[in-house]
PDB file of N, CA and C in Angstrom:
ATOM      1  N   UNK A   1       8.788  -6.370  -7.269  1.00  0.00           N
ATOM      2  CA  UNK A   1       7.956  -5.865  -6.375  1.00  0.00           C
ATOM      3  C   UNK A   1       7.660  -6.264  -4.852  1.00  0.00           C
ATOM      4  N   UNK A   2       7.168  -5.485  -4.104  1.00  0.00           N
ATOM      5  CA  UNK A   2       7.612  -5.102  -3.175  1.00  0.00           C
ATOM      6  C   UNK A   2       6.049  -4.893  -2.636  1.00  0.00           C
ATOM      7  N   UNK A   3       5.860  -5.122  -1.345  1.00  0.00           N
ATOM      8  CA  UNK A   3       4.772  -5.049  -0.855  1.00  0.00           C
ATOM      9  C   UNK A   3       5.095  -4.933   1.019  1.00  0.00           C
ATOM     10  N   UNK A   4       4.600  -3.451   1.595  1.00  0.00           N
ATOM     11  CA  UNK A   4       5.227  -3.254   2.565  1.00  0.00           C
ATOM     12  C   UNK A   4       3.463  -4.698   3.181  1.00  0.00           C
ATOM     13  N   UNK A   5       3.811  -5.336   4.548  1.00  0.00           N
ATOM     14  CA  UNK A   5       3.689  -6.393   5.630  1.00  0.00           C
ATOM     15  C   UNK A   5       2.645  -5.583   7.109  1.00  0.00           C
ATOM     16  N   UNK A   6       3.744  -4.438   7.646  1.00  0.00           N
ATOM     17  CA  UNK A   6       3.066  -3.849   8.534  1.00  0.00           C
ATOM     18  C   UNK A   6       4.899  -3.471   9.768  1.00  0.00           C
ATOM     19  N   UNK A   7       4.693  -3.057  10.630  1.00  0.00           N
ATOM     20  CA  UNK A   7       5.881  -2.861  11.583  1.00  0.00           C
ATOM     21  C   UNK A   7       6.153  -4.056  12.780  1.00  0.00           C
ATOM     22  N   UNK A   8       7.334  -3.956  13.124  1.00  0.00           N
ATOM     23  CA  UNK A   8       7.435  -4.395  14.713  1.00  0.00           C
ATOM     24  C   UNK A   8       8.660  -4.174  15.173  1.00  0.00           C
ATOM     25  N   UNK A   9       7.770  -3.876  16.959  1.00  0.00           N
ATOM     26  CA  UNK A   9       9.004  -3.353  17.678  1.00  0.00           C
ATOM     27  C   UNK A   9      10.045  -3.761  18.099  1.00  0.00           C
ATOM     28  N   UNK A  10      11.036  -3.713  18.009  1.00  0.00           N
ATOM     29  CA  UNK A  10      12.286  -4.313  18.769  1.00  0.00           C
ATOM     30  C   UNK A  10      12.327  -3.755  20.339  1.00  0.00           C
ATOM     31  N   UNK A  11      13.057  -5.278  20.811  1.00  0.00           N
ATOM     32  CA  UNK A  11      13.238  -4.895  22.670  1.00  0.00           C
ATOM     33  C   UNK A  11      14.101  -3.327  22.875  1.00  0.00           C
ATOM     34  N   UNK A  12      14.621  -2.425  21.667  1.00  0.00           N
ATOM     35  CA  UNK A  12      15.770  -1.679  21.798  1.00  0.00           C
ATOM     36  C   UNK A  12      14.022  -0.501  21.634  1.00  0.00           C
ATOM     37  N   UNK A  13      13.117  -0.182  21.292  1.00  0.00           N
ATOM     38  CA  UNK A  13      13.089   0.139  20.880  1.00  0.00           C
ATOM     39  C   UNK A  13      12.350   1.088  19.573  1.00  0.00           C
ATOM     40  N   UNK A  14      13.358   0.108  18.848  1.00  0.00           N
ATOM     41  CA  UNK A  14      13.016   1.144  17.394  1.00  0.00           C
ATOM     42  C   UNK A  14      11.745   0.105  16.690  1.00  0.00           C
ATOM     43  N   UNK A  15      11.563   0.866  15.684  1.00  0.00           N
ATOM     44  CA  UNK A  15      10.732   0.506  15.216  1.00  0.00           C
ATOM     45  C   UNK A  15      11.184  -0.991  13.210  1.00  0.00           C
ATOM     46  N   UNK A  16      11.025  -1.607  13.216  1.00  0.00           N
ATOM     47  CA  UNK A  16      11.516  -2.067  12.215  1.00  0.00           C
ATOM     48  C   UNK A  16      10.016  -3.150  11.043  1.00  0.00           C
ATOM     49  N   UNK A  17      10.267  -2.350   9.809  1.00  0.00           N
ATOM     50  CA  UNK A  17       9.485  -1.664   9.029  1.00  0.00           C
ATOM     51  C   UNK A  17       9.207  -3.557   8.101  1.00  0.00           C
ATOM     52  N   UNK A  18       8.653  -4.606   7.514  1.00  0.00           N
ATOM     53  CA  UNK A  18       8.078  -5.250   6.983  1.00  0.00           C
ATOM     54  C   UNK A  18       7.593  -5.332   5.268  1.00  0.00           C
ATOM     55  N   UNK A  19       8.066  -5.752   4.549  1.00  0.00           N
ATOM     56  CA  UNK A  19       8.518  -5.590   2.998  1.00  0.00           C
ATOM     57  C   UNK A  19       8.176  -7.163   2.788  1.00  0.00           C
ATOM     58  N   UNK A  20       7.688  -7.692   1.749  1.00  0.00           N
ATOM     59  CA  UNK A  20       7.452  -8.692   0.870  1.00  0.00           C
ATOM     60  C   UNK A  20       8.915  -7.993  -0.756  1.00  0.00           C
ATOM     61  N   UNK A  21       9.847  -8.512  -0.837  1.00  0.00           N
ATOM     62  CA  UNK A  21      10.497  -7.638  -1.757  1.00  0.00           C
ATOM     63  C   UNK A  21      11.122  -9.110  -2.805  1.00  0.00           C
ATOM     64  N   UNK A  22      10.093  -8.834  -4.302  1.00  0.00           N
ATOM     65  CA  UNK A  22      10.384 -10.304  -5.023  1.00  0.00           C
ATOM     66  C   UNK A  22      10.370 -11.132  -4.492  1.00  0.00           C
ATOM     67  N   UNK A  23       9.354 -11.065  -3.182  1.00  0.00           N
ATOM     68  CA  UNK A  23       9.605 -12.726  -2.530  1.00  0.00           C
ATOM     69  C   UNK A  23       9.717 -13.332  -1.566  1.00  0.00           C
ATOM     70  N   UNK A  24      11.483 -11.931  -1.250  1.00  0.00           N
ATOM     71  CA  UNK A  24      11.478 -12.079   0.306  1.00  0.00           C
ATOM     72  C   UNK A  24      11.538 -11.947   0.588  1.00  0.00           C
ATOM     73  N   UNK A  25      11.351 -11.597   2.693  1.00  0.00           N
ATOM     74  CA  UNK A  25      11.089 -11.279   4.120  1.00  0.00           C
ATOM     75  C   UNK A  25      11.895 -10.422   3.961  1.00  0.00           C
ATOM     76  N   UNK A  26      11.607  -8.975   3.970  1.00  0.00           N
ATOM     77  CA  UNK A  26      13.061  -7.994   5.307  1.00  0.00           C
ATOM     78  C   UNK A  26      11.859  -7.686   5.426  1.00  0.00           C
ATOM     79  N   UNK A  27      13.584  -7.017   6.601  1.00  0.00           N
ATOM     80  CA  UNK A  27      13.213  -6.448   8.221  1.00  0.00           C
ATOM     81  C   UNK A  27      13.690  -5.768   7.840  1.00  0.00           C
ATOM     82  N   UNK A  28      14.066  -4.142   7.543  1.00  0.00           N
ATOM     83  CA  UNK A  28      14.194  -2.511   7.696  1.00  0.00           C
ATOM     84  C   UNK A  28      14.387  -2.036   8.478  1.00  0.00           C
ATOM     85  N   UNK A  29      15.474  -1.524   8.984  1.00  0.00           N
ATOM     86  CA  UNK A  29      14.929  -0.256   9.815  1.00  0.00           C
ATOM     87  C   UNK A  29      14.690   1.018   9.622  1.00  0.00           C
ATOM     88  N   UNK A  30      14.065   1.446  10.008  1.00  0.00           N
ATOM     89  CA  UNK A  30      14.014   2.990   9.726  1.00  0.00           C
ATOM     90  C   UNK A  30      15.019   3.924   9.145  1.00  0.00           C
ATOM     91  N   UNK A  31      15.601   3.823   8.989  1.00  0.00           N
ATOM     92  CA  UNK A  31      17.279   4.617   9.289  1.00  0.00           C
ATOM     93  C   UNK A  31      17.947   3.517   8.000  1.00  0.00           C
ATOM     94  N   UNK A  32      17.338   2.639   7.047  1.00  0.00           N
ATOM     95  CA  UNK A  32      17.933   1.737   6.253  1.00  0.00           C
ATOM     96  C   UNK A  32      17.213   2.410   5.495  1.00  0.00           C
ATOM     97  N   UNK A  33      16.102   1.923   4.989  1.00  0.00           N
ATOM     98  CA  UNK A  33      15.567   2.196   4.468  1.00  0.00           C
ATOM     99  C   UNK A  33      14.835   3.681   2.929  1.00  0.00           C
ATOM    100  N   UNK A  34      15.992   4.427   3.156  1.00  0.00           N
ATOM    101  CA  UNK A  34      16.158   4.686   1.971  1.00  0.00           C
ATOM    102  C   UNK A  34      17.352   4.387   1.122  1.00  0.00           C
ATOM    103  N   UNK A  35      18.319   3.931   1.278  1.00  0.00           N
ATOM    104  CA  UNK A  35      19.112   1.898   1.182  1.00  0.00           C
ATOM    105  C   UNK A  35      18.107   1.121   0.204  1.00  0.00           C
ATOM    106  N   UNK A  36      17.326   0.960   0.108  1.00  0.00           N
ATOM    107  CA  UNK A  36      16.616   0.632  -0.059  1.00  0.00           C
ATOM    108  C   UNK A  36      15.628   0.374  -1.172  1.00  0.00           C
ATOM    109  N   UNK A  37      15.940   0.999  -2.302  1.00  0.00           N
ATOM    110  CA  UNK A  37      15.106   1.127  -3.160  1.00  0.00           C
ATOM    111  C   UNK A  37      13.652   0.796  -3.523  1.00  0.00           C
ATOM    112  N   UNK A  38      12.425   1.897  -3.725  1.00  0.00           N
ATOM    113  CA  UNK A  38      11.056   1.229  -3.499  1.00  0.00           C
ATOM    114  C   UNK A  38      11.238   1.180  -2.616  1.00  0.00           C
ATOM    115  N   UNK A  39      11.491   1.216  -0.903  1.00  0.00           N
ATOM    116  CA  UNK A  39      10.854   0.271   0.351  1.00  0.00           C
ATOM    117  C   UNK A  39      10.547   1.831   0.748  1.00  0.00           C
ATOM    118  N   UNK A  40      10.967   3.238   0.807  1.00  0.00           N
ATOM    119  CA  UNK A  40      10.263   4.484   1.664  1.00  0.00           C
ATOM    120  C   UNK A  40       8.998   4.106   0.734  1.00  0.00           C
ATOM    121  N   UNK A  41       8.378   4.817  -0.893  1.00  0.00           N
ATOM    122  CA  UNK A  41       7.260   4.617  -1.806  1.00  0.00           C
ATOM    123  C   UNK A  41       6.567   3.401  -2.014  1.00  0.00           C
ATOM    124  N   UNK A  42       6.463   2.773  -0.818  1.00  0.00           N
ATOM    125  CA  UNK A  42       5.905   1.399  -0.880  1.00  0.00           C
ATOM    126  C   UNK A  42       4.776   1.794   0.521  1.00  0.00           C
ATOM    127  N   UNK A  43       5.904   2.743   1.340  1.00  0.00           N
ATOM    128  CA  UNK A  43       4.575   2.622   2.469  1.00  0.00           C
ATOM    129  C   UNK A  43       3.510   3.602   2.146  1.00  0.00           C
ATOM    130  N   UNK A  44       2.695   3.121   3.025  1.00  0.00           N
ATOM    131  CA  UNK A  44       1.277   4.488   3.334  1.00  0.00           C
ATOM    132  C   UNK A  44       1.617   5.145   3.868  1.00  0.00           C
ATOM    133  N   UNK A  45       1.076   5.868   3.866  1.00  0.00           N
ATOM    134  CA  UNK A  45       0.518   7.823   4.114  1.00  0.00           C
ATOM    135  C   UNK A  45       0.585   7.684   5.674  1.00  0.00           C
ATOM    136  N   UNK A  46      -0.157   7.021   6.220  1.00  0.00           N
ATOM    137  CA  UNK A  46       0.302   6.400   8.158  1.00  0.00           C
ATOM    138  C   UNK A  46       1.704   6.367   8.810  1.00  0.00           C
ATOM    139  N   UNK A  47       1.979   5.929   7.930  1.00  0.00           N
ATOM    140  CA  UNK A  47       3.868   4.841   7.965  1.00  0.00           C
ATOM    141  C   UNK A  47       4.699   6.399   7.949  1.00  0.00           C
ATOM    142  N   UNK A  48       4.762   6.425   6.545  1.00  0.00           N
ATOM    143  CA  UNK A  48       6.046   7.711   6.296  1.00  0.00           C
ATOM    144  C   UNK A  48       5.773   8.975   6.898  1.00  0.00           C
ATOM    145  N   UNK A  49       3.828   9.882   7.851  1.00  0.00           N
ATOM    146  CA  UNK A  49       3.866  10.342   8.343  1.00  0.00           C
ATOM    147  C   UNK A  49       4.943  10.618   9.781  1.00  0.00           C
ATOM    148  N   UNK A  50       5.221   9.041  10.359  1.00  0.00           N
ATOM    149  CA  UNK A  50       4.868   8.828  11.944  1.00  0.00           C
ATOM    150  C   UNK A  50       6.742   9.237  11.021  1.00  0.00           C
ATOM    151  N   UNK A  51       7.871   8.139  10.565  1.00  0.00           N
ATOM    152  CA  UNK A  51       8.478   8.369  10.545  1.00  0.00           C
ATOM    153  C   UNK A  51       9.095  10.569  10.113  1.00  0.00           C
ATOM    154  N   UNK A  52       8.991  11.520   9.392  1.00  0.00           N
ATOM    155  CA  UNK A  52       8.300  12.748   9.428  1.00  0.00           C
ATOM    156  C   UNK A  52       8.237  14.137  10.982  1.00  0.00           C
ATOM    157  N   UNK A  53       7.563  12.407  11.720  1.00  0.00           N
ATOM    158  CA  UNK A  53       7.091  12.604  12.690  1.00  0.00           C
ATOM    159  C   UNK A  53       8.791  12.834  14.070  1.00  0.00           C
ATOM    160  N   UNK A  54       8.877  11.576  13.241  1.00  0.00           N
ATOM    161  CA  UNK A  54      10.107  11.501  14.260  1.00  0.00           C
ATOM    162  C   UNK A  54      11.365  12.213  13.736  1.00  0.00           C
ATOM    163  N   UNK A  55      11.711  12.171  12.226  1.00  0.00           N
ATOM    164  CA  UNK A  55      12.022  11.899  11.889  1.00  0.00           C
ATOM    165  C   UNK A  55      13.051  14.536  12.088  1.00  0.00           C
ATOM    166  N   UNK A  56      11.589  14.857  12.534  1.00  0.00           N
ATOM    167  CA  UNK A  56      11.457  15.954  13.319  1.00  0.00           C
ATOM    168  C   UNK A  56      10.903  16.343  14.581  1.00  0.00           C
ATOM    169  N   UNK A  57      11.130  14.934  15.836  1.00  0.00           N
ATOM    170  CA  UNK A  57      11.170  15.402  17.036  1.00  0.00           C
ATOM    171  C   UNK A  57      12.607  15.003  17.377  1.00  0.00           C
ATOM    172  N   UNK A  58      13.467  14.701  16.550  1.00  0.00           N
ATOM    173  CA  UNK A  58      15.022  14.909  16.578  1.00  0.00           C
ATOM    174  C   UNK A  58      15.694  15.182  15.770  1.00  0.00           C
ATOM    175  N   UNK A  59      15.212  16.478  15.213  1.00  0.00           N
ATOM    176  CA  UNK A  59      16.234  17.555  14.793  1.00  0.00           C
ATOM    177  C   UNK A  59      16.178  18.807  15.428  1.00  0.00           C
ATOM    178  N   UNK A  60      14.603  18.611  16.584  1.00  0.00           N
ATOM    179  CA  UNK A  60      14.593  19.558  17.673  1.00  0.00           C
ATOM    180  C   UNK A  60      15.444  19.719  18.611  1.00  0.00           C
ATOM    181  N   UNK A  61      16.027  18.417  19.400  1.00  0.00           N
ATOM    182  CA  UNK A  61      16.847  17.776  19.892  1.00  0.00           C
ATOM    183  C   UNK A  61      17.963  18.512  19.906  1.00  0.00           C
TER     184      UNK A  61
END
């Protein structure tokens, strides 16, 4: 069972996504979401939109 709990901003400006996975607390960076099966799919639409916007902005550089 994977439950999305929220986000946390850290000092270097990046965002950690906080999940409870099978009862364990996990903080996952945006770049590592695809490495944790089911976590990206558990995100709400607003978080997925933010990730999509970040990737679009990075691709323009």
